[in-house]
Amino acid sequence: MQAASAAVDRVESGVPGTPRPGALARALRVAVAAVAVGSRRRPSLQPALEEIEARFFRALPPVDPAPGPELRAPRPAAGPTTRRRTPLWAATAARIGLGVTAAGLVAVAVGLPAPYWAATSAVAVLLGTDARHTRARAFHRVTGTLLGTAIAGLVFAVQPPTPVTVLIVALLLIGIELFIAHQYVLAVSCLTPVSLLLVHLGAPGSPGTALIAARIEETLVGIVVALVAGFFLFARAGSSRLPGTVTATAERAVAAATAPAGTTADRELHDALVSLNEVATAARAELFSARGADVWRRRSREVGDLGWALLGARARGESELAESVARRIRADLTG
């Protein structure tokens, strides 16, 4: 809680190195979790935390104004004839499925010995959570494969006895488990020689250089096909819906801020925030977004933060904080 209070102090004082709103919110969430456990022994922690939360919302910068009409997307007309739009998860599933299938088929067409590796390389890239993450995973996949083939090449050159090779495979498997969640490039560096060494153990007559060359080719095929799928298959499914979804959610937030707590306006705001999160997540995953998507993604975070803050304060019964957030919503999101 002291760390959260110090972060808010820096924002209020405007000193250089002021934390960004996202970092400030994370510090506050850690404080909330800590107080939830420790407040049974120290009841005085809860009022102090409520004061920090109130200062946090007062210190937040104002929400950026909505983009001009040139960046707005037309909103569908209401009524019983409105066509139900395809859920975004369907576009994501189709992009991944078609991209992985295409990678495997291309590998078969060019005569690569293990098309499954091209398919797994494609799915590893397409599972990136946003555009930057997708590009990073493609780079990590290439780098990790090159490092892994170097390790496998070293083992092939030394030609250790079979028990030693099995021990090396066991150590590499441990490395995969240790690195897969946080250091993807190192995990791939361990995964690549495991598969190559196992193939070599099963077919000792196969030359190691041929296995290494095929693995690099399969990886490149999978990555190239995945990037093409990411660029051209349902490329703007999320970002094209983002302006209308953000605008509708902001309207729900203003309606909830105006209405008393516990009314249907809160439920409608909750449903709108869930939908906004789905659309914003899909938009972040796009490699080629619609025009103005960066502006709308930033506004979606701001609208979402205020909306969830209002619902959270009301759910906890913190009326003063809820009213402070409601005033902020009416001031920043109206118009």
C-alpha atoms as a PDB file:
ATOM      1  CA  MET A   1       0.000   0.000   0.000  1.00  0.00           C
ATOM      2  CA  GLN A   2       2.920   2.327   0.646  1.00  0.00           C
ATOM      3  CA  ALA A   3       4.139   1.714  -2.911  1.00  0.00           C
ATOM      4  CA  ALA A   4       0.711   2.594  -4.318  1.00  0.00           C
ATOM      5  CA  SER A   5       0.573   5.745  -2.182  1.00  0.00           C
ATOM      6  CA  ALA A   6       4.056   6.773  -3.307  1.00  0.00           C
ATOM      7  CA  ALA A   7       3.090   6.252  -6.964  1.00  0.00           C
ATOM      8  CA  VAL A   8       0.019   8.452  -6.532  1.00  0.00           C
ATOM      9  CA  ASP A   9       2.179  11.068  -4.788  1.00  0.00           C
ATOM     10  CA  ARG A  10       4.488  11.240  -7.809  1.00  0.00           C
ATOM     11  CA  VAL A  11       1.555  11.665 -10.173  1.00  0.00           C
ATOM     12  CA  GLU A  12       0.042  14.445  -8.039  1.00  0.00           C
ATOM     13  CA  SER A  13       3.369  16.277  -7.767  1.00  0.00           C
ATOM     14  CA  GLY A  14       4.137  15.984 -11.491  1.00  0.00           C
ATOM     15  CA  VAL A  15       7.786  15.095 -10.895  1.00  0.00           C
ATOM     16  CA  PRO A  16       9.840  13.592 -13.765  1.00  0.00           C
ATOM     17  CA  GLY A  17       9.475   9.837 -14.124  1.00  0.00           C
ATOM     18  CA  THR A  18       5.791   9.885 -13.246  1.00  0.00           C
ATOM     19  CA  PRO A  19       4.300   6.365 -13.601  1.00  0.00           C
ATOM     20  CA  ARG A  20       1.980   5.762 -16.536  1.00  0.00           C
ATOM     21  CA  PRO A  21      -1.702   5.166 -15.685  1.00  0.00           C
ATOM     22  CA  GLY A  22      -1.338   1.427 -16.389  1.00  0.00           C
ATOM     23  CA  ALA A  23       1.582   1.053 -13.961  1.00  0.00           C
ATOM     24  CA  LEU A  24      -0.269   3.121 -11.387  1.00  0.00           C
ATOM     25  CA  ALA A  25      -3.356   0.914 -11.723  1.00  0.00           C
ATOM     26  CA  ARG A  26      -1.249  -2.240 -11.270  1.00  0.00           C
ATOM     27  CA  ALA A  27       0.278  -0.854  -8.066  1.00  0.00           C
ATOM     28  CA  LEU A  28      -3.202  -0.067  -6.794  1.00  0.00           C
ATOM     29  CA  ARG A  29      -4.478  -3.576  -7.626  1.00  0.00           C
ATOM     30  CA  VAL A  30      -1.584  -5.109  -5.672  1.00  0.00           C
ATOM     31  CA  ALA A  31      -2.472  -2.879  -2.714  1.00  0.00           C
ATOM     32  CA  VAL A  32      -6.139  -3.917  -2.903  1.00  0.00           C
ATOM     33  CA  ALA A  33      -5.167  -7.610  -2.888  1.00  0.00           C
ATOM     34  CA  ALA A  34      -2.805  -7.109   0.048  1.00  0.00           C
ATOM     35  CA  VAL A  35      -5.358  -5.179   2.089  1.00  0.00           C
ATOM     36  CA  ALA A  36      -8.015  -7.821   1.429  1.00  0.00           C
ATOM     37  CA  VAL A  37      -5.807 -10.280   3.334  1.00  0.00           C
ATOM     38  CA  GLY A  38      -4.355  -8.002   5.998  1.00  0.00           C
ATOM     39  CA  SER A  39      -7.396  -5.903   6.895  1.00  0.00           C
ATOM     40  CA  ARG A  40      -8.662  -8.628   9.247  1.00  0.00           C
ATOM     41  CA  ARG A  41      -5.706  -7.949  11.533  1.00  0.00           C
ATOM     42  CA  ARG A  42      -5.470  -4.223  10.845  1.00  0.00           C
ATOM     43  CA  PRO A  43      -8.926  -2.735  10.163  1.00  0.00           C
ATOM     44  CA  SER A  44      -7.364   0.714   9.690  1.00  0.00           C
ATOM     45  CA  LEU A  45      -5.923  -0.389   6.336  1.00  0.00           C
ATOM     46  CA  GLN A  46      -9.273  -0.262   4.535  1.00  0.00           C
ATOM     47  CA  PRO A  47     -10.021   3.470   5.062  1.00  0.00           C
ATOM     48  CA  ALA A  48      -6.449   4.318   4.069  1.00  0.00           C
ATOM     49  CA  LEU A  49      -6.801   2.286   0.882  1.00  0.00           C
ATOM     50  CA  GLU A  50     -10.086   3.994   0.024  1.00  0.00           C
ATOM     51  CA  GLU A  51      -8.340   7.362   0.329  1.00  0.00           C
ATOM     52  CA  ILE A  52      -5.551   6.195  -2.002  1.00  0.00           C
ATOM     53  CA  GLU A  53      -8.150   4.977  -4.511  1.00  0.00           C
ATOM     54  CA  ALA A  54      -9.921   8.330  -4.424  1.00  0.00           C
ATOM     55  CA  ARG A  55      -6.633  10.157  -5.018  1.00  0.00           C
ATOM     56  CA  PHE A  56      -5.819   7.741  -7.825  1.00  0.00           C
ATOM     57  CA  PHE A  57      -8.988   8.580  -9.747  1.00  0.00           C
ATOM     58  CA  ARG A  58      -8.523  12.307  -9.201  1.00  0.00           C
ATOM     59  CA  ALA A  59      -4.939  12.086 -10.486  1.00  0.00           C
ATOM     60  CA  LEU A  60      -5.785  10.218 -13.682  1.00  0.00           C
ATOM     61  CA  PRO A  61      -5.422  12.343 -16.821  1.00  0.00           C
ATOM     62  CA  PRO A  62      -8.653  13.214 -18.638  1.00  0.00           C
ATOM     63  CA  VAL A  63      -9.904  10.800 -21.259  1.00  0.00           C
ATOM     64  CA  ASP A  64      -8.846  11.693 -24.770  1.00  0.00           C
ATOM     65  CA  PRO A  65     -11.665  13.242 -26.787  1.00  0.00           C
ATOM     66  CA  ALA A  66     -13.421  10.973 -29.235  1.00  0.00           C
ATOM     67  CA  PRO A  67     -11.808  10.948 -32.696  1.00  0.00           C
ATOM     68  CA  GLY A  68     -13.284  13.169 -35.365  1.00  0.00           C
ATOM     69  CA  PRO A  69     -15.955  12.074 -37.804  1.00  0.00           C
ATOM     70  CA  GLU A  70     -13.360  11.006 -40.374  1.00  0.00           C
ATOM     71  CA  LEU A  71     -12.287   8.151 -38.058  1.00  0.00           C
ATOM     72  CA  ARG A  72     -15.745   7.125 -36.930  1.00  0.00           C
ATOM     73  CA  ALA A  73     -17.322   3.948 -38.181  1.00  0.00           C
ATOM     74  CA  PRO A  74     -21.044   3.929 -39.007  1.00  0.00           C
ATOM     75  CA  ARG A  75     -23.109   2.370 -36.261  1.00  0.00           C
ATOM     76  CA  PRO A  76     -25.758  -0.178 -37.232  1.00  0.00           C
ATOM     77  CA  ALA A  77     -29.310   1.001 -37.047  1.00  0.00           C
ATOM     78  CA  ALA A  78     -31.348  -0.462 -34.222  1.00  0.00           C
ATOM     79  CA  GLY A  79     -34.374  -2.532 -34.938  1.00  0.00           C
ATOM     80  CA  PRO A  80     -35.607  -6.068 -35.482  1.00  0.00           C
ATOM     81  CA  THR A  81     -34.019  -6.235 -38.956  1.00  0.00           C
ATOM     82  CA  THR A  82     -30.467  -5.599 -37.706  1.00  0.00           C
ATOM     83  CA  ARG A  83     -28.248  -8.425 -38.955  1.00  0.00           C
ATOM     84  CA  ARG A  84     -26.466 -10.354 -36.244  1.00  0.00           C
ATOM     85  CA  ARG A  85     -22.710  -9.982 -36.715  1.00  0.00           C
ATOM     86  CA  THR A  86     -20.360 -12.948 -36.753  1.00  0.00           C
ATOM     87  CA  PRO A  87     -18.629 -13.368 -33.362  1.00  0.00           C
ATOM     88  CA  LEU A  88     -14.992 -12.341 -33.367  1.00  0.00           C
ATOM     89  CA  TRP A  89     -13.811 -15.673 -32.015  1.00  0.00           C
ATOM     90  CA  ALA A  90     -15.041 -17.247 -35.266  1.00  0.00           C
ATOM     91  CA  ALA A  91     -12.738 -15.013 -37.339  1.00  0.00           C
ATOM     92  CA  THR A  92      -9.804 -15.776 -35.027  1.00  0.00           C
ATOM     93  CA  ALA A  93     -10.476 -19.517 -35.162  1.00  0.00           C
ATOM     94  CA  ALA A  94     -10.799 -19.416 -38.955  1.00  0.00           C
ATOM     95  CA  ARG A  95      -7.570 -17.423 -39.319  1.00  0.00           C
ATOM     96  CA  ILE A  96      -5.603 -19.864 -37.167  1.00  0.00           C
ATOM     97  CA  GLY A  97      -7.198 -22.961 -38.681  1.00  0.00           C
ATOM     98  CA  LEU A  98      -6.738 -21.885 -42.281  1.00  0.00           C
ATOM     99  CA  GLY A  99      -3.217 -20.594 -41.638  1.00  0.00           C
ATOM    100  CA  VAL A 100      -2.081 -23.817 -39.971  1.00  0.00           C
ATOM    101  CA  THR A 101      -3.701 -25.969 -42.666  1.00  0.00           C
ATOM    102  CA  ALA A 102      -2.089 -23.916 -45.418  1.00  0.00           C
ATOM    103  CA  ALA A 103       1.335 -24.179 -43.775  1.00  0.00           C
ATOM    104  CA  GLY A 104       1.072 -27.965 -43.630  1.00  0.00           C
ATOM    105  CA  LEU A 105      -0.145 -28.218 -47.224  1.00  0.00           C
ATOM    106  CA  VAL A 106       2.630 -25.959 -48.517  1.00  0.00           C
ATOM    107  CA  ALA A 107       5.204 -28.081 -46.688  1.00  0.00           C
ATOM    108  CA  VAL A 108       3.756 -31.212 -48.300  1.00  0.00           C
ATOM    109  CA  ALA A 109       3.690 -29.565 -51.728  1.00  0.00           C
ATOM    110  CA  VAL A 110       7.377 -28.632 -51.607  1.00  0.00           C
ATOM    111  CA  GLY A 111       8.323 -32.105 -50.355  1.00  0.00           C
ATOM    112  CA  LEU A 112       9.477 -31.308 -46.807  1.00  0.00           C
ATOM    113  CA  PRO A 113       9.844 -34.444 -44.634  1.00  0.00           C
ATOM    114  CA  ALA A 114       7.946 -33.182 -41.547  1.00  0.00           C
ATOM    115  CA  PRO A 115       5.006 -30.918 -42.506  1.00  0.00           C
ATOM    116  CA  TYR A 116       3.792 -30.974 -38.907  1.00  0.00           C
ATOM    117  CA  TRP A 117       6.707 -28.728 -37.912  1.00  0.00           C
ATOM    118  CA  ALA A 118       5.635 -26.103 -40.440  1.00  0.00           C
ATOM    119  CA  ALA A 119       2.098 -26.318 -39.002  1.00  0.00           C
ATOM    120  CA  THR A 120       3.299 -25.985 -35.399  1.00  0.00           C
ATOM    121  CA  SER A 121       5.477 -23.014 -36.383  1.00  0.00           C
ATOM    122  CA  ALA A 122       2.432 -21.355 -37.967  1.00  0.00           C
ATOM    123  CA  VAL A 123       0.202 -21.879 -34.940  1.00  0.00           C
ATOM    124  CA  ALA A 124       2.923 -20.616 -32.588  1.00  0.00           C
ATOM    125  CA  VAL A 125       3.050 -17.342 -34.531  1.00  0.00           C
ATOM    126  CA  LEU A 126      -0.726 -16.957 -34.977  1.00  0.00           C
ATOM    127  CA  LEU A 127      -1.352 -17.383 -31.250  1.00  0.00           C
ATOM    128  CA  GLY A 128       0.290 -14.019 -30.514  1.00  0.00           C
ATOM    129  CA  THR A 129      -1.889 -11.853 -28.283  1.00  0.00           C
ATOM    130  CA  ASP A 130      -1.297  -8.668 -30.289  1.00  0.00           C
ATOM    131  CA  ALA A 131       0.471  -7.519 -33.439  1.00  0.00           C
ATOM    132  CA  ARG A 132       3.745  -6.813 -31.662  1.00  0.00           C
ATOM    133  CA  HIS A 133       3.584 -10.162 -29.887  1.00  0.00           C
ATOM    134  CA  THR A 134       2.908 -11.957 -33.187  1.00  0.00           C
ATOM    135  CA  ARG A 135       5.953 -10.374 -34.828  1.00  0.00           C
ATOM    136  CA  ALA A 136       8.041 -11.116 -31.730  1.00  0.00           C
ATOM    137  CA  ARG A 137       6.989 -14.768 -31.715  1.00  0.00           C
ATOM    138  CA  ALA A 138       7.921 -15.084 -35.391  1.00  0.00           C
ATOM    139  CA  PHE A 139      11.370 -13.658 -34.641  1.00  0.00           C
ATOM    140  CA  HIS A 140      11.758 -15.862 -31.552  1.00  0.00           C
ATOM    141  CA  ARG A 141      10.707 -18.925 -33.535  1.00  0.00           C
ATOM    142  CA  VAL A 142      13.381 -18.311 -36.181  1.00  0.00           C
ATOM    143  CA  THR A 143      16.080 -17.432 -33.646  1.00  0.00           C
ATOM    144  CA  GLY A 144      15.233 -20.345 -31.376  1.00  0.00           C
ATOM    145  CA  THR A 145      15.222 -22.772 -34.287  1.00  0.00           C
ATOM    146  CA  LEU A 146      18.645 -21.590 -35.444  1.00  0.00           C
ATOM    147  CA  LEU A 147      20.075 -21.907 -31.922  1.00  0.00           C
ATOM    148  CA  GLY A 148      18.436 -25.300 -31.504  1.00  0.00           C
ATOM    149  CA  THR A 149      19.799 -26.628 -34.763  1.00  0.00           C
ATOM    150  CA  ALA A 150      23.262 -25.436 -33.697  1.00  0.00           C
ATOM    151  CA  ILE A 151      22.917 -27.453 -30.486  1.00  0.00           C
ATOM    152  CA  ALA A 152      21.725 -30.491 -32.444  1.00  0.00           C
ATOM    153  CA  GLY A 153      24.581 -30.058 -34.932  1.00  0.00           C
ATOM    154  CA  LEU A 154      27.087 -30.042 -32.072  1.00  0.00           C
ATOM    155  CA  VAL A 155      25.641 -33.276 -30.673  1.00  0.00           C
ATOM    156  CA  PHE A 156      25.662 -34.883 -34.129  1.00  0.00           C
ATOM    157  CA  ALA A 157      29.320 -33.901 -34.576  1.00  0.00           C
ATOM    158  CA  VAL A 158      30.364 -35.347 -31.195  1.00  0.00           C
ATOM    159  CA  GLN A 159      28.282 -38.532 -31.707  1.00  0.00           C
ATOM    160  CA  PRO A 160      27.863 -39.420 -28.034  1.00  0.00           C
ATOM    161  CA  PRO A 161      26.664 -42.874 -26.956  1.00  0.00           C
ATOM    162  CA  THR A 162      22.911 -43.443 -26.889  1.00  0.00           C
ATOM    163  CA  PRO A 163      22.589 -43.146 -23.050  1.00  0.00           C
ATOM    164  CA  VAL A 164      24.319 -39.741 -23.177  1.00  0.00           C
ATOM    165  CA  THR A 165      22.017 -38.587 -25.978  1.00  0.00           C
ATOM    166  CA  VAL A 166      18.997 -39.663 -23.927  1.00  0.00           C
ATOM    167  CA  LEU A 167      20.350 -37.695 -20.949  1.00  0.00           C
ATOM    168  CA  ILE A 168      20.802 -34.612 -23.164  1.00  0.00           C
ATOM    169  CA  VAL A 169      17.215 -34.959 -24.370  1.00  0.00           C
ATOM    170  CA  ALA A 170      16.008 -35.182 -20.745  1.00  0.00           C
ATOM    171  CA  LEU A 171      17.880 -32.010 -19.800  1.00  0.00           C
ATOM    172  CA  LEU A 172      16.481 -30.186 -22.825  1.00  0.00           C
ATOM    173  CA  LEU A 173      12.942 -31.247 -21.883  1.00  0.00           C
ATOM    174  CA  ILE A 174      13.482 -29.721 -18.444  1.00  0.00           C
ATOM    175  CA  GLY A 175      14.651 -26.540 -20.150  1.00  0.00           C
ATOM    176  CA  ILE A 176      11.459 -26.414 -22.222  1.00  0.00           C
ATOM    177  CA  GLU A 177       9.300 -26.573 -19.089  1.00  0.00           C
ATOM    178  CA  LEU A 178      11.370 -23.880 -17.386  1.00  0.00           C
ATOM    179  CA  PHE A 179      11.394 -21.408 -20.281  1.00  0.00           C
ATOM    180  CA  ILE A 180       8.151 -21.918 -22.216  1.00  0.00           C
ATOM    181  CA  ALA A 181       6.086 -19.399 -20.240  1.00  0.00           C
ATOM    182  CA  HIS A 182       8.554 -16.501 -20.080  1.00  0.00           C
ATOM    183  CA  GLN A 183      11.447 -17.044 -22.522  1.00  0.00           C
ATOM    184  CA  TYR A 184       9.946 -18.417 -25.721  1.00  0.00           C
ATOM    185  CA  VAL A 185      13.171 -18.133 -27.721  1.00  0.00           C
ATOM    186  CA  LEU A 186      15.030 -20.304 -25.181  1.00  0.00           C
ATOM    187  CA  ALA A 187      12.161 -22.789 -25.075  1.00  0.00           C
ATOM    188  CA  VAL A 188      12.313 -23.200 -28.867  1.00  0.00           C
ATOM    189  CA  SER A 189      16.096 -23.513 -28.597  1.00  0.00           C
ATOM    190  CA  CYS A 190      15.522 -26.544 -26.361  1.00  0.00           C
ATOM    191  CA  LEU A 191      12.547 -27.930 -28.288  1.00  0.00           C
ATOM    192  CA  THR A 192      14.254 -28.008 -31.698  1.00  0.00           C
ATOM    193  CA  PRO A 193      17.184 -30.282 -30.753  1.00  0.00           C
ATOM    194  CA  VAL A 194      14.846 -32.570 -28.804  1.00  0.00           C
ATOM    195  CA  SER A 195      12.847 -33.417 -31.922  1.00  0.00           C
ATOM    196  CA  LEU A 196      15.962 -33.703 -34.083  1.00  0.00           C
ATOM    197  CA  LEU A 197      17.773 -35.947 -31.616  1.00  0.00           C
ATOM    198  CA  LEU A 198      14.740 -38.194 -31.164  1.00  0.00           C
ATOM    199  CA  VAL A 199      14.418 -38.589 -34.940  1.00  0.00           C
ATOM    200  CA  HIS A 200      18.129 -39.383 -35.128  1.00  0.00           C
ATOM    201  CA  LEU A 201      17.827 -41.979 -32.358  1.00  0.00           C
ATOM    202  CA  GLY A 202      14.912 -43.631 -34.175  1.00  0.00           C
ATOM    203  CA  ALA A 203      16.679 -43.579 -37.544  1.00  0.00           C
ATOM    204  CA  PRO A 204      20.438 -43.540 -36.886  1.00  0.00           C
ATOM    205  CA  GLY A 205      21.213 -43.727 -40.606  1.00  0.00           C
ATOM    206  CA  SER A 206      19.632 -40.350 -41.401  1.00  0.00           C
ATOM    207  CA  PRO A 207      22.311 -37.647 -41.812  1.00  0.00           C
ATOM    208  CA  GLY A 208      22.183 -34.895 -39.238  1.00  0.00           C
ATOM    209  CA  THR A 209      22.776 -32.132 -41.776  1.00  0.00           C
ATOM    210  CA  ALA A 210      19.693 -33.168 -43.742  1.00  0.00           C
ATOM    211  CA  LEU A 211      17.555 -33.124 -40.581  1.00  0.00           C
ATOM    212  CA  ILE A 212      18.823 -29.662 -39.653  1.00  0.00           C
ATOM    213  CA  ALA A 213      18.274 -28.212 -43.129  1.00  0.00           C
ATOM    214  CA  ALA A 214      14.747 -29.628 -43.297  1.00  0.00           C
ATOM    215  CA  ARG A 215      13.873 -28.234 -39.866  1.00  0.00           C
ATOM    216  CA  ILE A 216      14.986 -24.725 -40.837  1.00  0.00           C
ATOM    217  CA  GLU A 217      13.020 -24.906 -44.093  1.00  0.00           C
ATOM    218  CA  GLU A 218       9.885 -26.149 -42.306  1.00  0.00           C
ATOM    219  CA  THR A 219      10.137 -23.349 -39.746  1.00  0.00           C
ATOM    220  CA  LEU A 220      10.473 -20.677 -42.424  1.00  0.00           C
ATOM    221  CA  VAL A 221       7.507 -22.063 -44.375  1.00  0.00           C
ATOM    222  CA  GLY A 222       5.316 -22.050 -41.269  1.00  0.00           C
ATOM    223  CA  ILE A 223       6.274 -18.506 -40.287  1.00  0.00           C
ATOM    224  CA  VAL A 224       5.818 -17.042 -43.768  1.00  0.00           C
ATOM    225  CA  VAL A 225       2.400 -18.663 -44.213  1.00  0.00           C
ATOM    226  CA  ALA A 226       1.337 -17.533 -40.709  1.00  0.00           C
ATOM    227  CA  LEU A 227       2.303 -13.923 -41.395  1.00  0.00           C
ATOM    228  CA  VAL A 228       0.445 -13.982 -44.719  1.00  0.00           C
ATOM    229  CA  ALA A 229      -2.640 -15.380 -42.948  1.00  0.00           C
ATOM    230  CA  GLY A 230      -2.361 -12.726 -40.265  1.00  0.00           C
ATOM    231  CA  PHE A 231      -2.171  -9.943 -42.839  1.00  0.00           C
ATOM    232  CA  PHE A 232      -4.914 -11.056 -45.218  1.00  0.00           C
ATOM    233  CA  LEU A 233      -7.418 -13.373 -43.454  1.00  0.00           C
ATOM    234  CA  PHE A 234     -10.101 -11.337 -41.633  1.00  0.00           C
ATOM    235  CA  ALA A 235      -7.437  -8.677 -41.164  1.00  0.00           C
ATOM    236  CA  ARG A 236      -9.715  -5.951 -39.760  1.00  0.00           C
ATOM    237  CA  ALA A 237     -12.481  -7.957 -38.097  1.00  0.00           C
ATOM    238  CA  GLY A 238     -11.862  -6.354 -34.694  1.00  0.00           C
ATOM    239  CA  SER A 239     -10.614  -2.860 -35.508  1.00  0.00           C
ATOM    240  CA  SER A 240     -13.507  -2.217 -37.891  1.00  0.00           C
ATOM    241  CA  ARG A 241     -15.963  -2.750 -35.023  1.00  0.00           C
ATOM    242  CA  LEU A 242     -13.953  -0.882 -32.408  1.00  0.00           C
ATOM    243  CA  PRO A 243     -15.263   2.690 -32.984  1.00  0.00           C
ATOM    244  CA  GLY A 244     -18.919   1.687 -32.714  1.00  0.00           C
ATOM    245  CA  THR A 245     -18.269  -0.545 -29.705  1.00  0.00           C
ATOM    246  CA  VAL A 246     -16.282   2.120 -27.834  1.00  0.00           C
ATOM    247  CA  THR A 247     -18.953   4.748 -28.526  1.00  0.00           C
ATOM    248  CA  ALA A 248     -21.760   2.446 -27.383  1.00  0.00           C
ATOM    249  CA  THR A 249     -19.857   1.501 -24.209  1.00  0.00           C
ATOM    250  CA  ALA A 250     -19.187   5.149 -23.391  1.00  0.00           C
ATOM    251  CA  GLU A 251     -22.920   5.836 -23.709  1.00  0.00           C
ATOM    252  CA  ARG A 252     -23.685   2.919 -21.368  1.00  0.00           C
ATOM    253  CA  ALA A 253     -21.126   4.245 -18.894  1.00  0.00           C
ATOM    254  CA  VAL A 254     -22.713   7.713 -18.903  1.00  0.00           C
ATOM    255  CA  ALA A 255     -26.173   6.154 -18.451  1.00  0.00           C
ATOM    256  CA  ALA A 256     -24.932   4.047 -15.525  1.00  0.00           C
ATOM    257  CA  ALA A 257     -23.167   7.046 -13.957  1.00  0.00           C
ATOM    258  CA  THR A 258     -26.419   9.010 -14.129  1.00  0.00           C
ATOM    259  CA  ALA A 259     -28.627   6.200 -12.795  1.00  0.00           C
ATOM    260  CA  PRO A 260     -28.678   4.978  -9.170  1.00  0.00           C
ATOM    261  CA  ALA A 261     -26.570   1.964  -8.236  1.00  0.00           C
ATOM    262  CA  GLY A 262     -28.066  -1.475  -8.706  1.00  0.00           C
ATOM    263  CA  THR A 263     -30.332  -0.626 -11.638  1.00  0.00           C
ATOM    264  CA  THR A 264     -30.459  -2.256 -15.068  1.00  0.00           C
ATOM    265  CA  ALA A 265     -28.014   0.429 -16.270  1.00  0.00           C
ATOM    266  CA  ASP A 266     -25.246  -1.316 -14.303  1.00  0.00           C
ATOM    267  CA  ARG A 267     -26.022  -4.651 -15.939  1.00  0.00           C
ATOM    268  CA  GLU A 268     -26.081  -3.056 -19.389  1.00  0.00           C
ATOM    269  CA  LEU A 269     -22.741  -1.375 -18.688  1.00  0.00           C
ATOM    270  CA  HIS A 270     -21.273  -4.704 -17.564  1.00  0.00           C
ATOM    271  CA  ASP A 271     -22.388  -6.423 -20.769  1.00  0.00           C
ATOM    272  CA  ALA A 272     -21.047  -3.534 -22.877  1.00  0.00           C
ATOM    273  CA  LEU A 273     -17.657  -3.707 -21.108  1.00  0.00           C
ATOM    274  CA  VAL A 274     -17.399  -7.444 -21.746  1.00  0.00           C
ATOM    275  CA  SER A 275     -18.142  -6.861 -25.430  1.00  0.00           C
ATOM    276  CA  LEU A 276     -15.626  -3.993 -25.541  1.00  0.00           C
ATOM    277  CA  ASN A 277     -12.906  -6.214 -24.092  1.00  0.00           C
ATOM    278  CA  GLU A 278     -13.580  -8.878 -26.740  1.00  0.00           C
ATOM    279  CA  VAL A 279     -13.454  -6.390 -29.616  1.00  0.00           C
ATOM    280  CA  ALA A 280     -10.382  -4.550 -28.278  1.00  0.00           C
ATOM    281  CA  THR A 281      -8.518  -7.838 -27.770  1.00  0.00           C
ATOM    282  CA  ALA A 282      -9.271  -8.871 -31.360  1.00  0.00           C
ATOM    283  CA  ALA A 283      -8.167  -5.452 -32.634  1.00  0.00           C
ATOM    284  CA  ARG A 284      -4.847  -5.667 -30.776  1.00  0.00           C
ATOM    285  CA  ALA A 285      -4.133  -9.051 -32.380  1.00  0.00           C
ATOM    286  CA  GLU A 286      -4.436  -7.694 -35.916  1.00  0.00           C
ATOM    287  CA  LEU A 287      -1.285  -7.218 -37.972  1.00  0.00           C
ATOM    288  CA  PHE A 288      -3.008  -4.754 -40.304  1.00  0.00           C
ATOM    289  CA  SER A 289      -5.610  -2.647 -38.493  1.00  0.00           C
ATOM    290  CA  ALA A 290      -8.200  -0.230 -39.830  1.00  0.00           C
ATOM    291  CA  ARG A 291      -7.361   3.470 -40.099  1.00  0.00           C
ATOM    292  CA  GLY A 292      -7.404   5.230 -36.736  1.00  0.00           C
ATOM    293  CA  ALA A 293      -7.371   1.949 -34.765  1.00  0.00           C
ATOM    294  CA  ASP A 294      -4.571   3.122 -32.456  1.00  0.00           C
ATOM    295  CA  VAL A 295      -6.653   6.092 -31.312  1.00  0.00           C
ATOM    296  CA  TRP A 296      -9.702   3.914 -30.679  1.00  0.00           C
ATOM    297  CA  ARG A 297      -7.687   1.258 -28.833  1.00  0.00           C
ATOM    298  CA  ARG A 298      -6.354   3.907 -26.465  1.00  0.00           C
ATOM    299  CA  ARG A 299      -9.841   5.304 -25.907  1.00  0.00           C
ATOM    300  CA  SER A 300     -11.218   1.787 -25.353  1.00  0.00           C
ATOM    301  CA  ARG A 301      -8.792   1.309 -22.456  1.00  0.00           C
ATOM    302  CA  GLU A 302      -9.787   4.619 -20.914  1.00  0.00           C
ATOM    303  CA  VAL A 303     -13.524   3.949 -21.248  1.00  0.00           C
ATOM    304  CA  GLY A 304     -13.057   0.418 -19.932  1.00  0.00           C
ATOM    305  CA  ASP A 305     -11.051   1.571 -16.911  1.00  0.00           C
ATOM    306  CA  LEU A 306     -13.700   4.107 -15.909  1.00  0.00           C
ATOM    307  CA  GLY A 307     -16.564   1.672 -16.484  1.00  0.00           C
ATOM    308  CA  TRP A 308     -15.054  -1.145 -14.443  1.00  0.00           C
ATOM    309  CA  ALA A 309     -14.006   1.321 -11.732  1.00  0.00           C
ATOM    310  CA  LEU A 310     -17.625   2.469 -11.372  1.00  0.00           C
ATOM    311  CA  LEU A 311     -19.010  -1.060 -11.212  1.00  0.00           C
ATOM    312  CA  GLY A 312     -16.271  -2.180  -8.814  1.00  0.00           C
ATOM    313  CA  ALA A 313     -16.834   0.707  -6.408  1.00  0.00           C
ATOM    314  CA  ARG A 314     -20.580   0.097  -6.407  1.00  0.00           C
ATOM    315  CA  ALA A 315     -20.133  -3.648  -5.878  1.00  0.00           C
ATOM    316  CA  ARG A 316     -17.947  -2.974  -2.829  1.00  0.00           C
ATOM    317  CA  GLY A 317     -20.418  -0.451  -1.462  1.00  0.00           C
ATOM    318  CA  GLU A 318     -17.947   2.445  -1.615  1.00  0.00           C
ATOM    319  CA  SER A 319     -20.490   5.166  -2.326  1.00  0.00           C
ATOM    320  CA  GLU A 320     -18.097   8.126  -2.148  1.00  0.00           C
ATOM    321  CA  LEU A 321     -15.629   6.542  -4.548  1.00  0.00           C
ATOM    322  CA  ALA A 322     -18.450   5.451  -6.867  1.00  0.00           C
ATOM    323  CA  GLU A 323     -19.810   8.992  -6.976  1.00  0.00           C
ATOM    324  CA  SER A 324     -16.330  10.366  -7.698  1.00  0.00           C
ATOM    325  CA  VAL A 325     -15.927   7.944 -10.630  1.00  0.00           C
ATOM    326  CA  ALA A 326     -19.450   8.742 -11.841  1.00  0.00           C
ATOM    327  CA  ARG A 327     -18.631  12.464 -11.927  1.00  0.00           C
ATOM    328  CA  ARG A 328     -15.480  11.666 -13.868  1.00  0.00           C
ATOM    329  CA  ILE A 329     -17.465   9.611 -16.392  1.00  0.00           C
ATOM    330  CA  ARG A 330     -20.039  12.354 -16.885  1.00  0.00           C
ATOM    331  CA  ALA A 331     -17.282  14.926 -17.333  1.00  0.00           C
ATOM    332  CA  ASP A 332     -15.012  12.942 -19.671  1.00  0.00           C
ATOM    333  CA  LEU A 333     -17.386  10.777 -21.708  1.00  0.00           C
ATOM    334  CA  THR A 334     -20.319  13.108 -22.326  1.00  0.00           C
ATOM    335  CA  GLY A 335     -20.458  14.653 -25.757  1.00  0.00           C
END
